[in-house]
Amino acid sequence: MVAEGTYLERIVRWHLERAKADQRKLNQLIEEAKKCPDAPNFSIAIGTEDLSLIAECKRRSPSRGDLNQELVPREIALSYVAGGASALSVLTDTEHFHGSADDLREIRAAVDVPLLRKDFTVDPRDIADAKIMGASAILLIVACLDAIQLKEYLALTVELGLDALVEVHDAAEIEVALGAGATIVGINQRNLHDFSIDKNLASSLRRMIPASVLSVAESGIMDVDQVTKLAQDGFSAVLVGEALVTSGDPEGQSRRFVTSGRRR
């Protein structure tokens, strides 16, 4: 669980307070979500022979500050897709990343690729909201949830026709994710307690993820050499934000990453 006094603890506490103040009925939200059409399938999109690119719409981060505050969601999404991205990640956290649900809705209306709702899922209503706003997948962070919550949230994603990217940071969390039934595991190379980056973490932990489970490398991926190495290590996909939104050429940079991830 989350250590007190860390970046992650403060962010999660903010989301938990918002969830506590949310008076909406879960059952009603689930019924509304079930009536929404299924979005493009996330796991199929990233489960190809080559290393797939999940390109992220990201304005800022708590550790690096502003990255691209002038970012226009629709425009950058179209650039990512033109560059060959298999799926997009859309930050909807307002307080810490300056994203919003409106960003995801705008992108959903503009492109046909799967969208990951990138946020701190701390309540089942967050999952229903993701389906309603047009997401294909949600993020579940093992460090933010206990084992019972993780299993329950995974079951709800299946019920609503969503995928879940289950994010881990060490070997123990991989075991928790797999034990809960995760079918997509993301290894985040950013330590969410102090926000430091270990660029070798994903490669060092990749062997723990069975071939039947899709694997995603996250954070600290800044150049084509890293992408080539992660492709060689057998990852299904890389999730890249900062290197794209700060590049000045998101389409071209996406295309370079996609090309460097080809295994054929």
Protein backbone atom coordinates (compact mmCIF):
# COMPACT_ATOMS: atom_id res chain seq x y z
CA MET A 1 0.00 0.00 0.00
CA VAL A 2 0.96 3.67 -0.23
CA ALA A 3 3.70 4.95 2.08
CA GLU A 4 2.78 8.11 4.00
CA GLY A 5 4.35 11.43 3.09
CA THR A 6 5.19 10.47 -0.51
CA TYR A 7 4.09 12.01 -3.80
CA LEU A 8 1.83 9.03 -4.39
CA GLU A 9 0.25 9.20 -0.95
CA ARG A 10 -0.68 12.86 -1.42
CA ILE A 11 -2.15 12.24 -4.87
CA VAL A 12 -4.12 9.19 -3.77
CA ARG A 13 -5.42 11.01 -0.69
CA TRP A 14 -6.74 13.79 -2.96
CA HIS A 15 -8.57 11.24 -5.11
CA LEU A 16 -9.95 9.38 -2.09
CA GLU A 17 -11.37 12.62 -0.70
CA ARG A 18 -13.06 13.32 -4.03
CA ALA A 19 -14.50 9.80 -4.09
CA LYS A 20 -15.80 10.16 -0.54
CA ALA A 21 -17.64 13.35 -1.52
CA ASP A 22 -19.16 11.70 -4.62
CA GLN A 23 -22.84 11.04 -3.89
CA ARG A 24 -23.64 9.22 -7.14
CA LYS A 25 -25.03 5.69 -6.84
CA LEU A 26 -22.67 2.99 -8.09
CA ASN A 27 -25.43 0.70 -9.35
CA GLN A 28 -26.91 3.46 -11.46
CA LEU A 29 -23.51 4.32 -12.93
CA ILE A 30 -22.85 0.68 -13.79
CA GLU A 31 -26.20 0.39 -15.56
CA GLU A 32 -25.46 3.57 -17.50
CA ALA A 33 -22.02 2.26 -18.44
CA LYS A 34 -23.44 -1.04 -19.66
CA LYS A 35 -25.65 0.86 -22.11
CA CYS A 36 -22.63 2.59 -23.67
CA PRO A 37 -21.13 1.07 -26.82
CA ASP A 38 -17.85 -0.78 -26.48
CA ALA A 39 -14.81 1.22 -27.53
CA PRO A 40 -12.05 -0.31 -29.71
CA ASN A 41 -10.32 -3.21 -27.94
CA PHE A 42 -7.14 -2.21 -26.12
CA SER A 43 -5.58 -5.64 -25.62
CA ILE A 44 -6.02 -6.62 -29.26
CA ALA A 45 -4.48 -3.36 -30.42
CA ILE A 46 -1.28 -3.81 -28.38
CA GLY A 47 -1.04 -7.58 -28.68
CA THR A 48 0.56 -7.65 -32.12
CA GLU A 49 3.82 -9.19 -33.31
CA ASP A 50 5.69 -5.90 -33.07
CA LEU A 51 6.20 -3.65 -30.06
CA SER A 52 3.20 -1.32 -29.94
CA LEU A 53 3.27 2.35 -29.04
CA ILE A 54 0.80 3.71 -26.49
CA ALA A 55 1.19 7.46 -26.97
CA GLU A 56 0.18 9.70 -24.09
CA CYS A 57 -1.64 13.03 -24.01
CA LYS A 58 0.15 14.74 -21.11
CA ARG A 59 0.32 18.43 -20.21
CA ARG A 60 2.38 18.25 -17.02
CA SER A 61 3.73 15.95 -14.35
CA PRO A 62 4.20 16.55 -10.61
CA SER A 63 7.92 15.82 -10.88
CA ARG A 64 8.79 17.72 -14.08
CA GLY A 65 6.19 20.47 -13.99
CA ASP A 66 4.73 21.83 -17.22
CA LEU A 67 5.49 19.77 -20.34
CA ASN A 68 3.09 21.15 -22.93
CA GLN A 69 0.33 23.33 -21.53
CA GLU A 70 -0.66 24.45 -25.05
CA LEU A 71 -1.44 20.87 -26.05
CA VAL A 72 -4.70 20.48 -28.00
CA PRO A 73 -6.03 16.97 -27.34
CA ARG A 74 -7.64 16.38 -30.73
CA GLU A 75 -4.62 17.64 -32.67
CA ILE A 76 -2.01 15.65 -30.79
CA ALA A 77 -4.17 12.52 -30.90
CA LEU A 78 -4.43 12.77 -34.69
CA SER A 79 -0.64 13.26 -34.86
CA TYR A 80 -0.04 10.16 -32.74
CA VAL A 81 -2.33 8.03 -34.88
CA ALA A 82 -0.75 9.34 -38.08
CA GLY A 83 2.61 8.34 -36.61
CA GLY A 84 1.45 4.77 -36.08
CA ALA A 85 0.46 4.65 -32.40
CA SER A 86 -1.63 1.55 -31.65
CA ALA A 87 -3.43 3.12 -28.68
CA LEU A 88 -3.47 6.39 -26.76
CA SER A 89 -3.20 7.14 -23.06
CA VAL A 90 -5.18 10.15 -21.84
CA LEU A 91 -4.54 11.67 -18.44
CA THR A 92 -7.80 12.73 -16.80
CA ASP A 93 -6.34 13.81 -13.42
CA THR A 94 -7.03 17.54 -13.10
CA GLU A 95 -5.18 18.54 -9.96
CA HIS A 96 -1.76 17.03 -10.59
CA PHE A 97 -1.51 16.50 -14.38
CA HIS A 98 -3.91 19.16 -15.72
CA GLY A 99 -5.88 16.58 -17.69
CA SER A 100 -9.65 16.13 -17.77
CA ALA A 101 -12.48 13.85 -18.78
CA ASP A 102 -13.20 16.38 -21.54
CA ASP A 103 -9.76 15.63 -23.02
CA LEU A 104 -10.70 11.97 -23.32
CA ARG A 105 -14.09 12.72 -24.82
CA GLU A 106 -12.52 15.09 -27.36
CA ILE A 107 -9.98 12.48 -28.38
CA ARG A 108 -12.59 9.72 -28.50
CA ALA A 109 -14.55 11.78 -31.01
CA ALA A 110 -11.45 12.35 -33.15
CA VAL A 111 -9.78 8.92 -33.46
CA ASP A 112 -10.75 5.27 -33.69
CA VAL A 113 -7.88 3.70 -31.73
CA PRO A 114 -8.30 2.39 -28.16
CA LEU A 115 -7.93 4.88 -25.31
CA LEU A 116 -6.52 4.20 -21.86
CA ARG A 117 -8.00 6.39 -19.15
CA LYS A 118 -4.81 7.25 -17.24
CA ASP A 119 -5.83 8.19 -13.74
CA PHE A 120 -5.68 7.04 -10.13
CA THR A 121 -8.52 4.54 -9.86
CA VAL A 122 -9.54 4.45 -6.19
CA ASP A 123 -13.28 3.80 -6.44
CA PRO A 124 -15.45 1.54 -8.63
CA ARG A 125 -17.28 4.62 -9.88
CA ASP A 126 -14.03 5.63 -11.57
CA ILE A 127 -14.29 2.48 -13.69
CA ALA A 128 -17.88 3.12 -14.71
CA ASP A 129 -16.96 6.72 -15.54
CA ALA A 130 -14.19 5.50 -17.83
CA LYS A 131 -16.62 3.40 -19.87
CA ILE A 132 -19.14 6.26 -20.04
CA MET A 133 -16.55 8.75 -21.30
CA GLY A 134 -15.42 6.38 -24.08
CA ALA A 135 -12.31 4.68 -22.72
CA SER A 136 -11.22 1.21 -23.76
CA ALA A 137 -9.09 0.55 -20.69
CA ILE A 138 -8.36 1.84 -17.20
CA LEU A 139 -5.24 2.02 -15.05
CA LEU A 140 -5.06 0.04 -11.80
CA ILE A 141 -1.97 0.77 -9.69
CA VAL A 142 -1.09 -2.10 -7.37
CA ALA A 143 0.54 0.30 -4.88
CA CYS A 144 -2.79 2.14 -4.50
CA LEU A 145 -5.06 -0.88 -3.91
CA ASP A 146 -5.24 -3.86 -1.61
CA ALA A 147 -5.53 -7.37 -3.07
CA ILE A 148 -9.30 -7.54 -2.56
CA GLN A 149 -9.88 -4.20 -4.28
CA LEU A 150 -7.65 -5.19 -7.17
CA LYS A 151 -9.61 -8.40 -7.80
CA GLU A 152 -12.96 -6.61 -7.49
CA TYR A 153 -11.92 -3.82 -9.83
CA LEU A 154 -10.58 -6.29 -12.39
CA ALA A 155 -13.91 -8.13 -12.27
CA LEU A 156 -15.80 -4.89 -12.85
CA THR A 157 -13.68 -4.02 -15.87
CA VAL A 158 -14.58 -7.38 -17.40
CA GLU A 159 -18.26 -6.83 -16.60
CA LEU A 160 -18.16 -3.46 -18.38
CA GLY A 161 -16.18 -4.67 -21.39
CA LEU A 162 -13.01 -2.78 -20.49
CA ASP A 163 -9.37 -3.81 -20.25
CA ALA A 164 -7.17 -2.95 -17.27
CA LEU A 165 -3.50 -2.02 -17.37
CA VAL A 166 -2.28 -3.18 -13.96
CA GLU A 167 0.74 -1.12 -13.01
CA VAL A 168 3.59 -2.47 -10.88
CA HIS A 169 6.92 -1.17 -9.64
CA ASP A 170 8.73 -4.24 -8.27
CA ALA A 171 8.77 -8.03 -8.19
CA ALA A 172 6.39 -8.32 -5.25
CA GLU A 173 3.78 -6.19 -7.05
CA ILE A 174 4.07 -8.33 -10.17
CA GLU A 175 3.16 -11.37 -8.07
CA VAL A 176 0.15 -9.50 -6.66
CA ALA A 177 -0.99 -8.43 -10.14
CA LEU A 178 -0.70 -11.92 -11.59
CA GLY A 179 -2.38 -13.45 -8.54
CA ALA A 180 -5.34 -11.12 -9.03
CA GLY A 181 -5.72 -12.23 -12.65
CA ALA A 182 -4.18 -9.29 -14.52
CA THR A 183 -3.95 -9.86 -18.27
CA ILE A 184 -1.98 -6.67 -18.99
CA VAL A 185 0.88 -5.72 -16.66
CA GLY A 186 2.69 -2.41 -16.93
CA ILE A 187 6.10 -2.00 -15.32
CA ASN A 188 6.48 1.64 -14.33
CA GLN A 189 10.13 2.63 -14.17
CA ARG A 190 9.18 5.72 -12.16
CA ASN A 191 9.21 5.25 -8.42
CA LEU A 192 5.87 6.77 -7.43
CA HIS A 193 7.10 7.43 -3.91
CA ASP A 194 9.94 9.80 -4.85
CA PHE A 195 9.37 10.01 -8.67
CA SER A 196 12.92 8.89 -9.52
CA ILE A 197 13.48 6.86 -12.72
CA ASP A 198 15.29 3.54 -13.13
CA LYS A 199 15.64 3.00 -16.89
CA ASN A 200 16.71 -0.62 -16.41
CA LEU A 201 13.80 -1.64 -14.19
CA ALA A 202 11.41 -2.84 -16.90
CA SER A 203 14.01 -5.04 -18.57
CA SER A 204 15.13 -6.52 -15.26
CA LEU A 205 11.57 -7.53 -14.31
CA ARG A 206 10.26 -8.59 -17.73
CA ARG A 207 11.08 -12.29 -17.21
CA MET A 208 8.54 -12.46 -14.36
CA ILE A 209 5.62 -11.82 -16.72
CA PRO A 210 4.40 -14.97 -18.52
CA ALA A 211 3.96 -14.99 -22.28
CA SER A 212 0.19 -15.24 -21.87
CA VAL A 213 0.11 -11.79 -20.23
CA LEU A 214 0.67 -8.59 -22.21
CA SER A 215 3.56 -6.51 -20.88
CA VAL A 216 3.99 -2.74 -21.08
CA ALA A 217 7.09 -0.68 -20.22
CA GLU A 218 6.29 2.75 -18.79
CA SER A 219 8.16 5.95 -17.88
CA GLY A 220 11.64 7.18 -18.71
CA ILE A 221 11.48 6.04 -22.34
CA MET A 222 13.04 8.92 -24.24
CA ASP A 223 14.85 7.58 -27.33
CA VAL A 224 14.71 4.94 -30.06
CA ASP A 225 17.55 2.89 -28.59
CA GLN A 226 15.52 2.29 -25.45
CA VAL A 227 12.51 1.27 -27.53
CA THR A 228 14.61 -1.15 -29.57
CA LYS A 229 15.97 -2.72 -26.37
CA LEU A 230 12.48 -3.13 -24.89
CA ALA A 231 11.30 -4.75 -28.12
CA GLN A 232 14.21 -7.19 -27.92
CA ASP A 233 13.28 -7.92 -24.30
CA GLY A 234 9.85 -9.09 -25.45
CA PHE A 235 7.56 -6.29 -24.28
CA SER A 236 4.17 -6.00 -25.95
CA ALA A 237 4.11 -2.20 -25.80
CA VAL A 238 5.74 0.95 -24.50
CA LEU A 239 3.79 3.84 -22.99
CA VAL A 240 5.44 7.15 -23.84
CA GLY A 241 4.35 10.66 -22.92
CA GLU A 242 7.05 13.21 -22.16
CA ALA A 243 9.30 12.34 -25.12
CA LEU A 244 6.36 12.89 -27.47
CA VAL A 245 4.65 15.98 -26.04
CA THR A 246 7.97 17.86 -25.74
CA SER A 247 9.37 16.77 -29.12
CA GLY A 248 7.84 19.51 -31.25
CA ASP A 249 7.00 16.78 -33.78
CA PRO A 250 4.69 14.23 -32.14
CA GLU A 251 3.85 12.53 -35.42
CA GLY A 252 7.46 12.12 -36.49
CA GLN A 253 8.63 11.04 -33.05
CA SER A 254 5.80 8.52 -32.82
CA ARG A 255 6.79 7.11 -36.19
CA ARG A 256 10.42 6.77 -35.09
CA PHE A 257 9.39 4.87 -31.98
CA VAL A 258 7.03 2.62 -33.93
CA THR A 259 9.74 1.84 -36.49
CA SER A 260 12.31 1.04 -33.81
CA GLY A 261 9.87 -1.36 -32.16
CA ARG A 262 9.47 -3.61 -35.20
CA ARG A 263 10.64 -7.17 -34.61
CA ARG A 264 10.12 -8.50 -38.13
